[in-house]
Amino acid sequence: MKVLYDPKHDILNIEFLEGVAIADSVETDGVIFDYAQDKRIVSLEILDASERISKKPFEKIDFAIASSKD
């Protein structure tokens, strides 16, 4: 997995499958899903990323739940 941020265009790209050709792209609410021919998600592109992602992303996670060992 590769995560890249383009500050000039304010796009965050999360690539799941490196070297896999994109056969289709679908945009919904400023998020572009890139699909391979076999319908696997190749990457996500988040437009206007700085407006969508907190400057302190860990404050969005409830670590009590994430680390629970019941």
PDB file of N, CA and C in Angstrom:
ATOM      1  N   MET A   1       0.848  -1.169   0.000  1.00  0.00           N
ATOM      2  CA  MET A   1       0.000   0.000   0.000  1.00  0.00           C
ATOM      3  C   MET A   1       0.895   1.235   0.000  1.00  0.00           C
ATOM      4  N   LYS A   2       0.482   2.243  -0.765  1.00  0.00           N
ATOM      5  CA  LYS A   2       1.238   3.478  -0.859  1.00  0.00           C
ATOM      6  C   LYS A   2       0.268   4.644  -0.664  1.00  0.00           C
ATOM      7  N   VAL A   3       0.671   5.615   0.166  1.00  0.00           N
ATOM      8  CA  VAL A   3      -0.135   6.806   0.402  1.00  0.00           C
ATOM      9  C   VAL A   3       0.671   8.016  -0.049  1.00  0.00           C
ATOM     10  N   LEU A   4       0.098   8.796  -0.954  1.00  0.00           N
ATOM     11  CA  LEU A   4       0.761   9.986  -1.481  1.00  0.00           C
ATOM     12  C   LEU A   4      -0.170  11.182  -1.361  1.00  0.00           C
ATOM     13  N   TYR A   5       0.408  12.339  -1.044  1.00  0.00           N
ATOM     14  CA  TYR A   5      -0.377  13.572  -0.981  1.00  0.00           C
ATOM     15  C   TYR A   5       0.209  14.584  -1.951  1.00  0.00           C
ATOM     16  N   ASP A   6      -0.636  15.184  -2.778  1.00  0.00           N
ATOM     17  CA  ASP A   6      -0.243  16.216  -3.734  1.00  0.00           C
ATOM     18  C   ASP A   6      -0.763  17.553  -3.205  1.00  0.00           C
ATOM     19  N   PRO A   7       0.103  18.350  -2.547  1.00  0.00           N
ATOM     20  CA  PRO A   7      -0.361  19.601  -1.946  1.00  0.00           C
ATOM     21  C   PRO A   7      -0.797  20.640  -2.985  1.00  0.00           C
ATOM     22  N   LYS A   8      -0.214  20.604  -4.175  1.00  0.00           N
ATOM     23  CA  LYS A   8      -0.582  21.567  -5.215  1.00  0.00           C
ATOM     24  C   LYS A   8      -2.047  21.412  -5.621  1.00  0.00           C
ATOM     25  N   HIS A   9      -2.496  20.169  -5.728  1.00  0.00           N
ATOM     26  CA  HIS A   9      -3.875  19.890  -6.141  1.00  0.00           C
ATOM     27  C   HIS A   9      -4.758  19.442  -4.969  1.00  0.00           C
ATOM     28  N   ASP A  10      -4.161  19.321  -3.776  1.00  0.00           N
ATOM     29  CA  ASP A  10      -4.867  18.915  -2.548  1.00  0.00           C
ATOM     30  C   ASP A  10      -5.589  17.578  -2.731  1.00  0.00           C
ATOM     31  N   ILE A  11      -4.827  16.593  -3.234  1.00  0.00           N
ATOM     32  CA  ILE A  11      -5.370  15.256  -3.464  1.00  0.00           C
ATOM     33  C   ILE A  11      -4.570  14.241  -2.656  1.00  0.00           C
ATOM     34  N   LEU A  12      -5.283  13.402  -1.933  1.00  0.00           N
ATOM     35  CA  LEU A  12      -4.670  12.295  -1.210  1.00  0.00           C
ATOM     36  C   LEU A  12      -4.967  11.032  -1.994  1.00  0.00           C
ATOM     37  N   ASN A  13      -3.930  10.281  -2.351  1.00  0.00           N
ATOM     38  CA  ASN A  13      -4.078   9.059  -3.118  1.00  0.00           C
ATOM     39  C   ASN A  13      -3.624   7.885  -2.270  1.00  0.00           C
ATOM     40  N   ILE A  14      -4.489   6.900  -2.139  1.00  0.00           N
ATOM     41  CA  ILE A  14      -4.165   5.676  -1.411  1.00  0.00           C
ATOM     42  C   ILE A  14      -4.194   4.540  -2.429  1.00  0.00           C
ATOM     43  N   GLU A  15      -3.011   4.008  -2.714  1.00  0.00           N
ATOM     44  CA  GLU A  15      -2.880   2.954  -3.722  1.00  0.00           C
ATOM     45  C   GLU A  15      -2.771   1.607  -3.019  1.00  0.00           C
ATOM     46  N   PHE A  16      -3.703   0.711  -3.335  1.00  0.00           N
ATOM     47  CA  PHE A  16      -3.729  -0.615  -2.726  1.00  0.00           C
ATOM     48  C   PHE A  16      -3.009  -1.660  -3.569  1.00  0.00           C
ATOM     49  N   LEU A  17      -3.135  -1.543  -4.895  1.00  0.00           N
ATOM     50  CA  LEU A  17      -2.580  -2.541  -5.803  1.00  0.00           C
ATOM     51  C   LEU A  17      -1.629  -1.865  -6.769  1.00  0.00           C
ATOM     52  N   GLU A  18      -0.342  -1.949  -6.504  1.00  0.00           N
ATOM     53  CA  GLU A  18       0.655  -1.302  -7.342  1.00  0.00           C
ATOM     54  C   GLU A  18       0.814  -2.054  -8.667  1.00  0.00           C
ATOM     55  N   GLY A  19       0.867  -1.305  -9.759  1.00  0.00           N
ATOM     56  CA  GLY A  19       1.110  -1.890 -11.067  1.00  0.00           C
ATOM     57  C   GLY A  19      -0.105  -2.523 -11.719  1.00  0.00           C
ATOM     58  N   VAL A  20      -1.287  -2.378 -11.118  1.00  0.00           N
ATOM     59  CA  VAL A  20      -2.513  -2.938 -11.693  1.00  0.00           C
ATOM     60  C   VAL A  20      -3.213  -1.832 -12.484  1.00  0.00           C
ATOM     61  N   ALA A  21      -3.570  -2.130 -13.725  1.00  0.00           N
ATOM     62  CA  ALA A  21      -4.212  -1.143 -14.591  1.00  0.00           C
ATOM     63  C   ALA A  21      -5.608  -0.786 -14.079  1.00  0.00           C
ATOM     64  N   ILE A  22      -5.952   0.493 -14.209  1.00  0.00           N
ATOM     65  CA  ILE A  22      -7.276   0.968 -13.809  1.00  0.00           C
ATOM     66  C   ILE A  22      -8.207   0.827 -15.011  1.00  0.00           C
ATOM     67  N   ALA A  23      -9.285   0.065 -14.817  1.00  0.00           N
ATOM     68  CA  ALA A  23     -10.242  -0.176 -15.888  1.00  0.00           C
ATOM     69  C   ALA A  23     -11.453   0.745 -15.782  1.00  0.00           C
ATOM     70  N   ASP A  24     -11.751   1.229 -14.572  1.00  0.00           N
ATOM     71  CA  ASP A  24     -12.931   2.063 -14.363  1.00  0.00           C
ATOM     72  C   ASP A  24     -12.709   2.938 -13.147  1.00  0.00           C
ATOM     73  N   SER A  25     -13.300   4.124 -13.155  1.00  0.00           N
ATOM     74  CA  SER A  25     -13.241   5.046 -12.024  1.00  0.00           C
ATOM     75  C   SER A  25     -14.632   5.581 -11.757  1.00  0.00           C
ATOM     76  N   VAL A  26     -14.957   5.663 -10.475  1.00  0.00           N
ATOM     77  CA  VAL A  26     -16.261   6.180 -10.070  1.00  0.00           C
ATOM     78  C   VAL A  26     -16.033   7.228  -8.989  1.00  0.00           C
ATOM     79  N   GLU A  27     -16.630   8.418  -9.174  1.00  0.00           N
ATOM     80  CA  GLU A  27     -16.514   9.459  -8.156  1.00  0.00           C
ATOM     81  C   GLU A  27     -17.823   9.577  -7.394  1.00  0.00           C
ATOM     82  N   THR A  28     -17.700   9.656  -6.084  1.00  0.00           N
ATOM     83  CA  THR A  28     -18.854   9.901  -5.241  1.00  0.00           C
ATOM     84  C   THR A  28     -18.426  10.806  -4.101  1.00  0.00           C
ATOM     85  N   ASP A  29     -19.061  11.932  -3.981  1.00  0.00           N
ATOM     86  CA  ASP A  29     -18.805  12.900  -2.913  1.00  0.00           C
ATOM     87  C   ASP A  29     -17.331  13.272  -2.778  1.00  0.00           C
ATOM     88  N   GLY A  30     -16.647  13.461  -3.888  1.00  0.00           N
ATOM     89  CA  GLY A  30     -15.252  13.896  -3.851  1.00  0.00           C
ATOM     90  C   GLY A  30     -14.241  12.807  -3.575  1.00  0.00           C
ATOM     91  N   VAL A  31     -14.681  11.556  -3.631  1.00  0.00           N
ATOM     92  CA  VAL A  31     -13.773  10.415  -3.493  1.00  0.00           C
ATOM     93  C   VAL A  31     -13.873   9.601  -4.776  1.00  0.00           C
ATOM     94  N   ILE A  32     -12.721   9.369  -5.400  1.00  0.00           N
ATOM     95  CA  ILE A  32     -12.692   8.607  -6.650  1.00  0.00           C
ATOM     96  C   ILE A  32     -12.190   7.197  -6.354  1.00  0.00           C
ATOM     97  N   PHE A  33     -12.994   6.215  -6.716  1.00  0.00           N
ATOM     98  CA  PHE A  33     -12.645   4.805  -6.565  1.00  0.00           C
ATOM     99  C   PHE A  33     -12.148   4.318  -7.914  1.00  0.00           C
ATOM    100  N   ASP A  34     -10.921   3.826  -7.969  1.00  0.00           N
ATOM    101  CA  ASP A  34     -10.345   3.280  -9.195  1.00  0.00           C
ATOM    102  C   ASP A  34     -10.381   1.758  -9.109  1.00  0.00           C
ATOM    103  N   TYR A  35     -10.976   1.133 -10.119  1.00  0.00           N
ATOM    104  CA  TYR A  35     -11.176  -0.316 -10.117  1.00  0.00           C
ATOM    105  C   TYR A  35     -10.349  -0.995 -11.199  1.00  0.00           C
ATOM    106  N   ALA A  36      -9.886  -2.190 -10.914  1.00  0.00           N
ATOM    107  CA  ALA A  36      -9.231  -3.053 -11.899  1.00  0.00           C
ATOM    108  C   ALA A  36     -10.312  -3.741 -12.730  1.00  0.00           C
ATOM    109  N   GLN A  37      -9.897  -4.419 -13.789  1.00  0.00           N
ATOM    110  CA  GLN A  37     -10.832  -5.136 -14.656  1.00  0.00           C
ATOM    111  C   GLN A  37     -11.651  -6.167 -13.867  1.00  0.00           C
ATOM    112  N   ASP A  38     -11.032  -6.787 -12.855  1.00  0.00           N
ATOM    113  CA  ASP A  38     -11.725  -7.801 -12.056  1.00  0.00           C
ATOM    114  C   ASP A  38     -12.492  -7.212 -10.870  1.00  0.00           C
ATOM    115  N   LYS A  39     -12.687  -5.881 -10.870  1.00  0.00           N
ATOM    116  CA  LYS A  39     -13.489  -5.138  -9.889  1.00  0.00           C
ATOM    117  C   LYS A  39     -12.817  -4.941  -8.533  1.00  0.00           C
ATOM    118  N   ARG A  40     -11.538  -5.300  -8.397  1.00  0.00           N
ATOM    119  CA  ARG A  40     -10.823  -4.990  -7.158  1.00  0.00           C
ATOM    120  C   ARG A  40     -10.551  -3.494  -7.124  1.00  0.00           C
ATOM    121  N   ILE A  41     -10.532  -2.911  -5.917  1.00  0.00           N
ATOM    122  CA  ILE A  41     -10.202  -1.493  -5.790  1.00  0.00           C
ATOM    123  C   ILE A  41      -8.696  -1.348  -5.891  1.00  0.00           C
ATOM    124  N   VAL A  42      -8.250  -0.581  -6.882  1.00  0.00           N
ATOM    125  CA  VAL A  42      -6.826  -0.333  -7.096  1.00  0.00           C
ATOM    126  C   VAL A  42      -6.362   0.814  -6.215  1.00  0.00           C
ATOM    127  N   SER A  43      -7.151   1.899  -6.200  1.00  0.00           N
ATOM    128  CA  SER A  43      -6.774   3.054  -5.391  1.00  0.00           C
ATOM    129  C   SER A  43      -7.981   3.925  -5.085  1.00  0.00           C
ATOM    130  N   LEU A  44      -7.801   4.798  -4.102  1.00  0.00           N
ATOM    131  CA  LEU A  44      -8.774   5.825  -3.757  1.00  0.00           C
ATOM    132  C   LEU A  44      -8.093   7.164  -3.910  1.00  0.00           C
ATOM    133  N   GLU A  45      -8.786   8.121  -4.480  1.00  0.00           N
ATOM    134  CA  GLU A  45      -8.288   9.489  -4.572  1.00  0.00           C
ATOM    135  C   GLU A  45      -9.270  10.368  -3.816  1.00  0.00           C
ATOM    136  N   ILE A  46      -8.777  11.101  -2.842  1.00  0.00           N
ATOM    137  CA  ILE A  46      -9.622  11.974  -2.036  1.00  0.00           C
ATOM    138  C   ILE A  46      -9.348  13.405  -2.463  1.00  0.00           C
ATOM    139  N   LEU A  47     -10.350  14.025  -3.083  1.00  0.00           N
ATOM    140  CA  LEU A  47     -10.232  15.393  -3.553  1.00  0.00           C
ATOM    141  C   LEU A  47     -10.443  16.359  -2.392  1.00  0.00           C
ATOM    142  N   ASP A  48      -9.818  17.530  -2.456  1.00  0.00           N
ATOM    143  CA  ASP A  48      -9.914  18.526  -1.372  1.00  0.00           C
ATOM    144  C   ASP A  48      -9.589  17.878  -0.033  1.00  0.00           C
ATOM    145  N   ALA A  49      -8.520  17.121  -0.019  1.00  0.00           N
ATOM    146  CA  ALA A  49      -8.156  16.312   1.138  1.00  0.00           C
ATOM    147  C   ALA A  49      -7.985  17.128   2.417  1.00  0.00           C
ATOM    148  N   SER A  50      -7.394  18.308   2.319  1.00  0.00           N
ATOM    149  CA  SER A  50      -7.146  19.096   3.531  1.00  0.00           C
ATOM    150  C   SER A  50      -8.442  19.541   4.194  1.00  0.00           C
ATOM    151  N   GLU A  51      -9.526  19.608   3.446  1.00  0.00           N
ATOM    152  CA  GLU A  51     -10.823  19.972   4.007  1.00  0.00           C
ATOM    153  C   GLU A  51     -11.536  18.768   4.618  1.00  0.00           C
ATOM    154  N   ARG A  52     -11.119  17.575   4.277  1.00  0.00           N
ATOM    155  CA  ARG A  52     -11.808  16.355   4.711  1.00  0.00           C
ATOM    156  C   ARG A  52     -11.109  15.623   5.846  1.00  0.00           C
ATOM    157  N   ILE A  53      -9.802  15.880   6.007  1.00  0.00           N
ATOM    158  CA  ILE A  53      -9.017  15.124   6.971  1.00  0.00           C
ATOM    159  C   ILE A  53      -8.542  16.054   8.074  1.00  0.00           C
ATOM    160  N   SER A  54      -8.731  15.615   9.290  1.00  0.00           N
ATOM    161  CA  SER A  54      -8.339  16.399  10.454  1.00  0.00           C
ATOM    162  C   SER A  54      -6.828  16.548  10.523  1.00  0.00           C
ATOM    163  N   LYS A  55      -6.365  17.670  11.040  1.00  0.00           N
ATOM    164  CA  LYS A  55      -4.933  17.850  11.250  1.00  0.00           C
ATOM    165  C   LYS A  55      -4.434  16.942  12.376  1.00  0.00           C
ATOM    166  N   LYS A  56      -5.357  16.436  13.171  1.00  0.00           N
ATOM    167  CA  LYS A  56      -5.031  15.501  14.249  1.00  0.00           C
ATOM    168  C   LYS A  56      -5.882  14.244  14.054  1.00  0.00           C
ATOM    169  N   PRO A  57      -5.509  13.388  13.093  1.00  0.00           N
ATOM    170  CA  PRO A  57      -6.373  12.248  12.749  1.00  0.00           C
ATOM    171  C   PRO A  57      -6.591  11.257  13.886  1.00  0.00           C
ATOM    172  N   PHE A  58      -5.667  11.170  14.839  1.00  0.00           N
ATOM    173  CA  PHE A  58      -5.821  10.190  15.915  1.00  0.00           C
ATOM    174  C   PHE A  58      -6.901  10.587  16.910  1.00  0.00           C
ATOM    175  N   GLU A  59      -7.343  11.839  16.909  1.00  0.00           N
ATOM    176  CA  GLU A  59      -8.415  12.219  17.815  1.00  0.00           C
ATOM    177  C   GLU A  59      -9.753  11.642  17.334  1.00  0.00           C
ATOM    178  N   LYS A  60      -9.803  11.098  16.130  1.00  0.00           N
ATOM    179  CA  LYS A  60     -11.012  10.472  15.595  1.00  0.00           C
ATOM    180  C   LYS A  60     -11.134   8.998  15.997  1.00  0.00           C
ATOM    181  N   ILE A  61     -10.075   8.435  16.584  1.00  0.00           N
ATOM    182  CA  ILE A  61     -10.063   7.004  16.909  1.00  0.00           C
ATOM    183  C   ILE A  61     -10.321   6.815  18.394  1.00  0.00           C
ATOM    184  N   ASP A  62     -11.214   5.904  18.716  1.00  0.00           N
ATOM    185  CA  ASP A  62     -11.470   5.538  20.109  1.00  0.00           C
ATOM    186  C   ASP A  62     -10.568   4.343  20.418  1.00  0.00           C
ATOM    187  N   PHE A  63      -9.401   4.625  21.007  1.00  0.00           N
ATOM    188  CA  PHE A  63      -8.425   3.577  21.267  1.00  0.00           C
ATOM    189  C   PHE A  63      -8.914   2.545  22.282  1.00  0.00           C
ATOM    190  N   ALA A  64      -9.851   2.915  23.121  1.00  0.00           N
ATOM    191  CA  ALA A  64     -10.404   1.954  24.089  1.00  0.00           C
ATOM    192  C   ALA A  64     -11.073   0.796  23.355  1.00  0.00           C
ATOM    193  N   ILE A  65     -11.780   1.109  22.297  1.00  0.00           N
ATOM    194  CA  ILE A  65     -12.455   0.074  21.513  1.00  0.00           C
ATOM    195  C   ILE A  65     -11.436  -0.671  20.642  1.00  0.00           C
ATOM    196  N   ALA A  66     -10.516   0.050  20.043  1.00  0.00           N
ATOM    197  CA  ALA A  66      -9.531  -0.561  19.147  1.00  0.00           C
ATOM    198  C   ALA A  66      -8.628  -1.545  19.863  1.00  0.00           C
ATOM    199  N   SER A  67      -8.387  -1.322  21.165  1.00  0.00           N
ATOM    200  CA  SER A  67      -7.460  -2.185  21.891  1.00  0.00           C
ATOM    201  C   SER A  67      -8.168  -3.157  22.842  1.00  0.00           C
ATOM    202  N   SER A  68      -9.473  -3.237  22.770  1.00  0.00           N
ATOM    203  CA  SER A  68     -10.215  -4.111  23.654  1.00  0.00           C
ATOM    204  C   SER A  68      -9.892  -5.573  23.384  1.00  0.00           C
ATOM    205  N   LYS A  69      -9.646  -6.346  24.448  1.00  0.00           N
ATOM    206  CA  LYS A  69      -9.328  -7.776  24.304  1.00  0.00           C
ATOM    207  C   LYS A  69     -10.308  -8.594  25.160  1.00  0.00           C
ATOM    208  N   ASP A  70     -11.535  -8.642  24.738  1.00  0.00           N
ATOM    209  CA  ASP A  70     -12.553  -9.396  25.491  1.00  0.00           C
ATOM    210  C   ASP A  70     -12.464 -10.868  25.237  1.00  0.00           C
TER     211      ASP A  70
END
